[in-house]
Amino acid sequence: MLEVDEFRDRKTLMAVATVDRLERETARKTIEDARESFGLTYGDLASTLDVTRRMLLRYRKEKNTPSPKVRDRLEALRQISHLLDLIYVNREDGLPWLYTPVPLLQGRRPIDLMRKGKLDEVLSVLAGHYSGAFV
């Protein structure tokens, strides 16, 4: 019976290690994609994720697994990127929107809200655009 429990424990440990590795890899890819796609600096991204630059570096090097709060913010960045891709034919066409004051955001620029970590506000407006609510 001990062998079955030992096998089950090893299998569970391997699954946890795989999930952890995938979360670190996804965080790194999301950070690099956001930096390249949105023109954010690493300092901007640290602010967006509400982490220190040092912690951002650890995520980039896949040395730390993001906390649930950081995972949620990374997911919001992925959703923003995805919605921009859906709304605009070319990714480059969506960049001007990020850097232009938007009336639905009280005249604020989406990129500035992103830098302050207010990703939900940007996501909400993009989702409305995509659904046709603001057309």
N, C-alpha and C. Protein backbone atom coordinates (compact mmCIF):
# COMPACT_ATOMS: atom_id res chain seq x y z
N MET A 1 0.82 -1.20 0.00
CA MET A 1 0.00 0.00 0.00
C MET A 1 0.87 1.26 0.00
N LEU A 2 2.00 1.19 0.65
CA LEU A 2 2.90 2.33 0.71
C LEU A 2 3.37 2.73 -0.68
N GLU A 3 3.60 1.76 -1.55
CA GLU A 3 4.05 2.05 -2.90
C GLU A 3 3.02 2.86 -3.69
N VAL A 4 1.74 2.54 -3.52
CA VAL A 4 0.68 3.26 -4.22
C VAL A 4 0.64 4.71 -3.74
N ASP A 5 0.71 4.93 -2.44
CA ASP A 5 0.70 6.29 -1.89
C ASP A 5 1.93 7.07 -2.35
N GLU A 6 3.07 6.40 -2.35
CA GLU A 6 4.31 7.04 -2.78
C GLU A 6 4.22 7.44 -4.26
N PHE A 7 3.66 6.55 -5.09
CA PHE A 7 3.48 6.85 -6.51
C PHE A 7 2.54 8.04 -6.68
N ARG A 8 1.45 8.05 -5.94
CA ARG A 8 0.47 9.13 -6.02
C ARG A 8 1.11 10.46 -5.60
N ASP A 9 1.90 10.44 -4.55
CA ASP A 9 2.58 11.65 -4.09
C ASP A 9 3.56 12.17 -5.15
N ARG A 10 4.31 11.27 -5.76
CA ARG A 10 5.25 11.68 -6.81
C ARG A 10 4.52 12.27 -8.00
N LYS A 11 3.42 11.64 -8.37
CA LYS A 11 2.63 12.11 -9.50
C LYS A 11 2.07 13.51 -9.20
N THR A 12 1.60 13.72 -8.00
CA THR A 12 1.08 15.03 -7.59
C THR A 12 2.18 16.07 -7.61
N LEU A 13 3.35 15.73 -7.10
CA LEU A 13 4.48 16.66 -7.10
C LEU A 13 4.89 17.04 -8.52
N MET A 14 4.88 16.07 -9.42
CA MET A 14 5.24 16.34 -10.81
C MET A 14 4.21 17.27 -11.45
N ALA A 15 2.94 17.06 -11.15
CA ALA A 15 1.89 17.91 -11.71
C ALA A 15 2.01 19.33 -11.19
N VAL A 16 2.28 19.48 -9.91
CA VAL A 16 2.44 20.81 -9.32
C VAL A 16 3.65 21.51 -9.93
N ALA A 17 4.74 20.78 -10.10
CA ALA A 17 5.95 21.37 -10.70
C ALA A 17 5.69 21.80 -12.14
N THR A 18 4.91 21.03 -12.87
CA THR A 18 4.59 21.38 -14.26
C THR A 18 3.73 22.64 -14.32
N VAL A 19 2.74 22.73 -13.48
CA VAL A 19 1.88 23.92 -13.43
C VAL A 19 2.71 25.14 -13.06
N ASP A 20 3.57 25.00 -12.08
CA ASP A 20 4.42 26.10 -11.65
C ASP A 20 5.31 26.58 -12.79
N ARG A 21 5.92 25.64 -13.51
CA ARG A 21 6.79 26.00 -14.64
C ARG A 21 6.00 26.71 -15.72
N LEU A 22 4.80 26.22 -16.02
CA LEU A 22 3.97 26.86 -17.05
C LEU A 22 3.53 28.26 -16.64
N GLU A 23 3.22 28.45 -15.37
CA GLU A 23 2.84 29.79 -14.88
C GLU A 23 4.00 30.77 -15.01
N ARG A 24 5.20 30.33 -14.67
CA ARG A 24 6.38 31.20 -14.80
C ARG A 24 6.65 31.53 -16.26
N GLU A 25 6.54 30.53 -17.13
CA GLU A 25 6.78 30.75 -18.56
C GLU A 25 5.74 31.69 -19.16
N THR A 26 4.48 31.51 -18.78
CA THR A 26 3.41 32.38 -19.28
C THR A 26 3.60 33.80 -18.79
N ALA A 27 4.02 33.97 -17.56
CA ALA A 27 4.28 35.32 -17.03
C ALA A 27 5.37 36.00 -17.84
N ARG A 28 6.46 35.29 -18.10
CA ARG A 28 7.56 35.86 -18.89
C ARG A 28 7.09 36.27 -20.27
N LYS A 29 6.36 35.40 -20.93
CA LYS A 29 5.89 35.70 -22.27
C LYS A 29 4.93 36.90 -22.27
N THR A 30 4.06 36.96 -21.30
CA THR A 30 3.10 38.08 -21.22
C THR A 30 3.83 39.39 -20.98
N ILE A 31 4.81 39.38 -20.11
CA ILE A 31 5.58 40.60 -19.83
C ILE A 31 6.30 41.08 -21.08
N GLU A 32 6.95 40.17 -21.77
CA GLU A 32 7.68 40.56 -22.99
C GLU A 32 6.72 41.03 -24.08
N ASP A 33 5.60 40.35 -24.23
CA ASP A 33 4.62 40.74 -25.24
C ASP A 33 4.06 42.14 -24.93
N ALA A 34 3.73 42.39 -23.67
CA ALA A 34 3.19 43.69 -23.28
C ALA A 34 4.21 44.79 -23.51
N ARG A 35 5.46 44.52 -23.21
CA ARG A 35 6.51 45.52 -23.40
C ARG A 35 6.64 45.85 -24.89
N GLU A 36 6.68 44.83 -25.71
CA GLU A 36 6.84 45.05 -27.15
C GLU A 36 5.58 45.60 -27.80
N SER A 37 4.43 45.07 -27.44
CA SER A 37 3.18 45.45 -28.10
C SER A 37 2.67 46.82 -27.68
N PHE A 38 2.79 47.15 -26.41
CA PHE A 38 2.21 48.38 -25.89
C PHE A 38 3.22 49.50 -25.72
N GLY A 39 4.50 49.19 -25.90
CA GLY A 39 5.52 50.21 -25.73
C GLY A 39 5.77 50.57 -24.28
N LEU A 40 5.50 49.64 -23.38
CA LEU A 40 5.71 49.88 -21.95
C LEU A 40 7.15 49.56 -21.58
N THR A 41 7.71 50.34 -20.69
CA THR A 41 9.03 50.04 -20.16
C THR A 41 8.88 49.00 -19.05
N TYR A 42 10.01 48.45 -18.62
CA TYR A 42 9.94 47.51 -17.50
C TYR A 42 9.46 48.21 -16.23
N GLY A 43 9.81 49.47 -16.07
CA GLY A 43 9.30 50.23 -14.93
C GLY A 43 7.79 50.39 -15.00
N ASP A 44 7.28 50.68 -16.22
CA ASP A 44 5.83 50.77 -16.41
C ASP A 44 5.16 49.45 -16.06
N LEU A 45 5.74 48.36 -16.54
CA LEU A 45 5.16 47.05 -16.28
C LEU A 45 5.16 46.70 -14.80
N ALA A 46 6.23 47.07 -14.11
CA ALA A 46 6.27 46.84 -12.66
C ALA A 46 5.13 47.59 -11.99
N SER A 47 4.90 48.83 -12.40
CA SER A 47 3.78 49.61 -11.85
C SER A 47 2.45 48.98 -12.21
N THR A 48 2.32 48.56 -13.45
CA THR A 48 1.08 47.94 -13.92
C THR A 48 0.75 46.70 -13.09
N LEU A 49 1.76 45.92 -12.78
CA LEU A 49 1.55 44.68 -12.02
C LEU A 49 1.59 44.90 -10.51
N ASP A 50 1.94 46.12 -10.09
CA ASP A 50 2.06 46.47 -8.68
C ASP A 50 3.11 45.61 -7.98
N VAL A 51 4.27 45.51 -8.65
CA VAL A 51 5.42 44.79 -8.08
C VAL A 51 6.66 45.68 -8.23
N THR A 52 7.72 45.31 -7.57
CA THR A 52 8.98 46.04 -7.72
C THR A 52 9.63 45.66 -9.04
N ARG A 53 10.55 46.50 -9.49
CA ARG A 53 11.29 46.16 -10.71
C ARG A 53 12.10 44.88 -10.51
N ARG A 54 12.58 44.71 -9.31
CA ARG A 54 13.35 43.49 -9.01
C ARG A 54 12.48 42.24 -9.15
N MET A 55 11.24 42.33 -8.65
CA MET A 55 10.33 41.18 -8.77
C MET A 55 9.96 40.95 -10.24
N LEU A 56 9.77 42.04 -10.99
CA LEU A 56 9.49 41.90 -12.42
C LEU A 56 10.63 41.17 -13.11
N LEU A 57 11.86 41.50 -12.75
CA LEU A 57 13.02 40.82 -13.32
C LEU A 57 13.00 39.33 -12.98
N ARG A 58 12.59 39.02 -11.77
CA ARG A 58 12.52 37.61 -11.36
C ARG A 58 11.46 36.87 -12.17
N TYR A 59 10.34 37.55 -12.47
CA TYR A 59 9.31 36.93 -13.33
C TYR A 59 9.87 36.75 -14.75
N ARG A 60 10.58 37.75 -15.24
CA ARG A 60 11.13 37.68 -16.61
C ARG A 60 12.13 36.53 -16.73
N LYS A 61 12.85 36.27 -15.66
CA LYS A 61 13.85 35.19 -15.68
C LYS A 61 13.27 33.86 -15.21
N GLU A 62 11.95 33.85 -14.99
CA GLU A 62 11.22 32.65 -14.57
C GLU A 62 11.74 32.09 -13.24
N LYS A 63 12.16 32.98 -12.34
CA LYS A 63 12.66 32.54 -11.04
C LYS A 63 11.57 32.53 -9.98
N ASN A 64 10.50 33.28 -10.21
CA ASN A 64 9.39 33.33 -9.26
C ASN A 64 8.08 33.04 -9.99
N THR A 65 7.17 32.42 -9.27
CA THR A 65 5.82 32.20 -9.78
C THR A 65 4.96 33.37 -9.32
N PRO A 66 4.22 33.98 -10.24
CA PRO A 66 3.39 35.13 -9.84
C PRO A 66 2.34 34.77 -8.80
N SER A 67 2.06 35.72 -7.94
CA SER A 67 1.00 35.56 -6.94
C SER A 67 -0.35 35.59 -7.67
N PRO A 68 -1.42 35.19 -7.01
CA PRO A 68 -2.73 35.25 -7.67
C PRO A 68 -3.08 36.66 -8.16
N LYS A 69 -2.74 37.68 -7.40
CA LYS A 69 -3.04 39.07 -7.81
C LYS A 69 -2.27 39.42 -9.08
N VAL A 70 -1.02 39.04 -9.15
CA VAL A 70 -0.21 39.33 -10.33
C VAL A 70 -0.69 38.50 -11.51
N ARG A 71 -1.08 37.26 -11.26
CA ARG A 71 -1.62 36.43 -12.35
C ARG A 71 -2.87 37.07 -12.94
N ASP A 72 -3.72 37.63 -12.10
CA ASP A 72 -4.93 38.31 -12.58
C ASP A 72 -4.57 39.51 -13.45
N ARG A 73 -3.57 40.26 -13.05
CA ARG A 73 -3.15 41.43 -13.83
C ARG A 73 -2.51 41.00 -15.15
N LEU A 74 -1.74 39.94 -15.12
CA LEU A 74 -1.16 39.42 -16.37
C LEU A 74 -2.26 38.95 -17.31
N GLU A 75 -3.27 38.32 -16.76
CA GLU A 75 -4.40 37.89 -17.58
C GLU A 75 -5.12 39.09 -18.19
N ALA A 76 -5.27 40.16 -17.43
CA ALA A 76 -5.90 41.38 -17.96
C ALA A 76 -5.07 41.94 -19.12
N LEU A 77 -3.75 41.93 -18.99
CA LEU A 77 -2.89 42.39 -20.10
C LEU A 77 -3.08 41.52 -21.34
N ARG A 78 -3.19 40.21 -21.14
CA ARG A 78 -3.43 39.32 -22.28
C ARG A 78 -4.79 39.61 -22.92
N GLN A 79 -5.79 39.87 -22.10
CA GLN A 79 -7.13 40.18 -22.63
C GLN A 79 -7.14 41.50 -23.40
N ILE A 80 -6.44 42.49 -22.88
CA ILE A 80 -6.34 43.77 -23.59
C ILE A 80 -5.69 43.55 -24.95
N SER A 81 -4.62 42.81 -24.97
CA SER A 81 -3.92 42.51 -26.22
C SER A 81 -4.84 41.77 -27.19
N HIS A 82 -5.55 40.80 -26.68
CA HIS A 82 -6.45 40.01 -27.52
C HIS A 82 -7.58 40.88 -28.09
N LEU A 83 -8.18 41.70 -27.26
CA LEU A 83 -9.26 42.57 -27.75
C LEU A 83 -8.75 43.57 -28.78
N LEU A 84 -7.58 44.12 -28.57
CA LEU A 84 -7.01 45.03 -29.57
C LEU A 84 -6.82 44.30 -30.90
N ASP A 85 -6.39 43.05 -30.83
CA ASP A 85 -6.22 42.26 -32.06
C ASP A 85 -7.56 41.99 -32.73
N LEU A 86 -8.61 41.80 -31.95
CA LEU A 86 -9.93 41.54 -32.52
C LEU A 86 -10.56 42.80 -33.12
N ILE A 87 -10.35 43.93 -32.46
CA ILE A 87 -10.98 45.18 -32.89
C ILE A 87 -10.26 45.79 -34.08
N TYR A 88 -8.94 45.75 -34.06
CA TYR A 88 -8.14 46.37 -35.12
C TYR A 88 -7.53 45.30 -36.03
N VAL A 89 -7.52 45.57 -37.31
CA VAL A 89 -7.01 44.60 -38.29
C VAL A 89 -5.54 44.28 -38.01
N ASN A 90 -4.75 45.29 -37.78
CA ASN A 90 -3.34 45.11 -37.46
C ASN A 90 -3.09 45.58 -36.04
N ARG A 91 -2.22 44.89 -35.35
CA ARG A 91 -1.90 45.27 -33.97
C ARG A 91 -1.42 46.72 -33.90
N GLU A 92 -0.67 47.14 -34.91
CA GLU A 92 -0.15 48.52 -34.94
C GLU A 92 -1.27 49.55 -35.01
N ASP A 93 -2.42 49.18 -35.57
CA ASP A 93 -3.55 50.10 -35.67
C ASP A 93 -4.17 50.38 -34.29
N GLY A 94 -4.00 49.45 -33.37
CA GLY A 94 -4.56 49.63 -32.03
C GLY A 94 -3.71 50.50 -31.13
N LEU A 95 -2.44 50.64 -31.45
CA LEU A 95 -1.54 51.44 -30.60
C LEU A 95 -1.97 52.90 -30.48
N PRO A 96 -2.37 53.56 -31.57
CA PRO A 96 -2.81 54.96 -31.40
C PRO A 96 -3.96 55.10 -30.41
N TRP A 97 -4.85 54.11 -30.37
CA TRP A 97 -5.97 54.18 -29.42
C TRP A 97 -5.44 54.20 -27.99
N LEU A 98 -4.42 53.41 -27.71
CA LEU A 98 -3.86 53.38 -26.36
C LEU A 98 -3.29 54.72 -25.93
N TYR A 99 -2.82 55.50 -26.89
CA TYR A 99 -2.12 56.75 -26.59
C TYR A 99 -2.98 57.99 -26.87
N THR A 100 -4.27 57.80 -27.06
CA THR A 100 -5.19 58.90 -27.35
C THR A 100 -6.18 59.04 -26.20
N PRO A 101 -6.49 60.27 -25.78
CA PRO A 101 -7.53 60.44 -24.74
C PRO A 101 -8.86 59.83 -25.22
N VAL A 102 -9.49 59.08 -24.33
CA VAL A 102 -10.74 58.38 -24.67
C VAL A 102 -11.86 58.96 -23.82
N PRO A 103 -12.91 59.49 -24.46
CA PRO A 103 -14.02 60.07 -23.70
C PRO A 103 -14.62 59.13 -22.65
N LEU A 104 -14.74 57.85 -22.97
CA LEU A 104 -15.30 56.90 -22.02
C LEU A 104 -14.41 56.68 -20.80
N LEU A 105 -13.19 57.14 -20.89
CA LEU A 105 -12.27 57.07 -19.75
C LEU A 105 -12.04 58.46 -19.16
N GLN A 106 -13.06 59.33 -19.29
CA GLN A 106 -13.00 60.71 -18.80
C GLN A 106 -11.82 61.45 -19.40
N GLY A 107 -11.55 61.18 -20.67
CA GLY A 107 -10.49 61.88 -21.38
C GLY A 107 -9.08 61.39 -21.07
N ARG A 108 -8.99 60.34 -20.29
CA ARG A 108 -7.66 59.80 -19.96
C ARG A 108 -7.20 58.86 -21.07
N ARG A 109 -5.90 58.69 -21.18
CA ARG A 109 -5.34 57.77 -22.16
C ARG A 109 -5.28 56.37 -21.57
N PRO A 110 -5.70 55.35 -22.33
CA PRO A 110 -5.66 53.98 -21.81
C PRO A 110 -4.27 53.57 -21.31
N ILE A 111 -3.24 53.97 -22.02
CA ILE A 111 -1.89 53.57 -21.62
C ILE A 111 -1.53 54.12 -20.24
N ASP A 112 -2.01 55.32 -19.91
CA ASP A 112 -1.73 55.90 -18.59
C ASP A 112 -2.45 55.12 -17.50
N LEU A 113 -3.67 54.69 -17.79
CA LEU A 113 -4.40 53.87 -16.81
C LEU A 113 -3.72 52.52 -16.64
N MET A 114 -3.23 51.97 -17.73
CA MET A 114 -2.52 50.69 -17.64
C MET A 114 -1.29 50.83 -16.76
N ARG A 115 -0.55 51.92 -16.94
CA ARG A 115 0.66 52.14 -16.14
C ARG A 115 0.34 52.27 -14.65
N LYS A 116 -0.88 52.71 -14.35
CA LYS A 116 -1.30 52.84 -12.95
C LYS A 116 -1.95 51.57 -12.42
N GLY A 117 -1.99 50.54 -13.26
CA GLY A 117 -2.58 49.28 -12.83
C GLY A 117 -4.09 49.22 -12.94
N LYS A 118 -4.69 50.20 -13.61
CA LYS A 118 -6.15 50.24 -13.74
C LYS A 118 -6.57 49.53 -15.04
N LEU A 119 -6.21 48.27 -15.10
CA LEU A 119 -6.43 47.47 -16.30
C LEU A 119 -7.90 47.19 -16.55
N ASP A 120 -8.68 47.05 -15.48
CA ASP A 120 -10.10 46.75 -15.64
C ASP A 120 -10.85 47.85 -16.36
N GLU A 121 -10.47 49.11 -16.12
CA GLU A 121 -11.13 50.22 -16.81
C GLU A 121 -10.88 50.15 -18.31
N VAL A 122 -9.64 49.89 -18.69
CA VAL A 122 -9.28 49.78 -20.10
C VAL A 122 -9.97 48.57 -20.72
N LEU A 123 -9.96 47.47 -20.01
CA LEU A 123 -10.59 46.25 -20.49
C LEU A 123 -12.09 46.44 -20.69
N SER A 124 -12.72 47.14 -19.80
CA SER A 124 -14.15 47.39 -19.89
C SER A 124 -14.51 48.18 -21.15
N VAL A 125 -13.74 49.22 -21.43
CA VAL A 125 -14.01 50.03 -22.63
C VAL A 125 -13.75 49.22 -23.90
N LEU A 126 -12.66 48.47 -23.91
CA LEU A 126 -12.37 47.63 -25.08
C LEU A 126 -13.44 46.57 -25.30
N ALA A 127 -13.91 45.96 -24.23
CA ALA A 127 -14.97 44.95 -24.35
C ALA A 127 -16.25 45.59 -24.89
N GLY A 128 -16.52 46.80 -24.46
CA GLY A 128 -17.69 47.52 -24.98
C GLY A 128 -17.54 47.82 -26.47
N HIS A 129 -16.36 48.25 -26.86
CA HIS A 129 -16.11 48.49 -28.29
C HIS A 129 -16.29 47.21 -29.09
N TYR A 130 -15.73 46.14 -28.58
CA TYR A 130 -15.79 44.87 -29.31
C TYR A 130 -17.24 44.39 -29.44
N SER A 131 -18.04 44.59 -28.40
CA SER A 131 -19.44 44.13 -28.44
C SER A 131 -20.31 45.04 -29.30
N GLY A 132 -19.77 46.22 -29.64
CA GLY A 132 -20.56 47.16 -30.44
C GLY A 132 -21.36 48.13 -29.60
N ALA A 133 -21.19 48.10 -28.30
CA ALA A 133 -21.98 48.96 -27.40
C ALA A 133 -21.67 50.43 -27.59
N PHE A 134 -20.45 50.76 -28.03
CA PHE A 134 -20.04 52.16 -28.13
C PHE A 134 -19.88 52.62 -29.58
N VAL A 135 -20.47 51.90 -30.48
CA VAL A 135 -20.32 52.26 -31.89
C VAL A 135 -21.36 53.29 -32.28
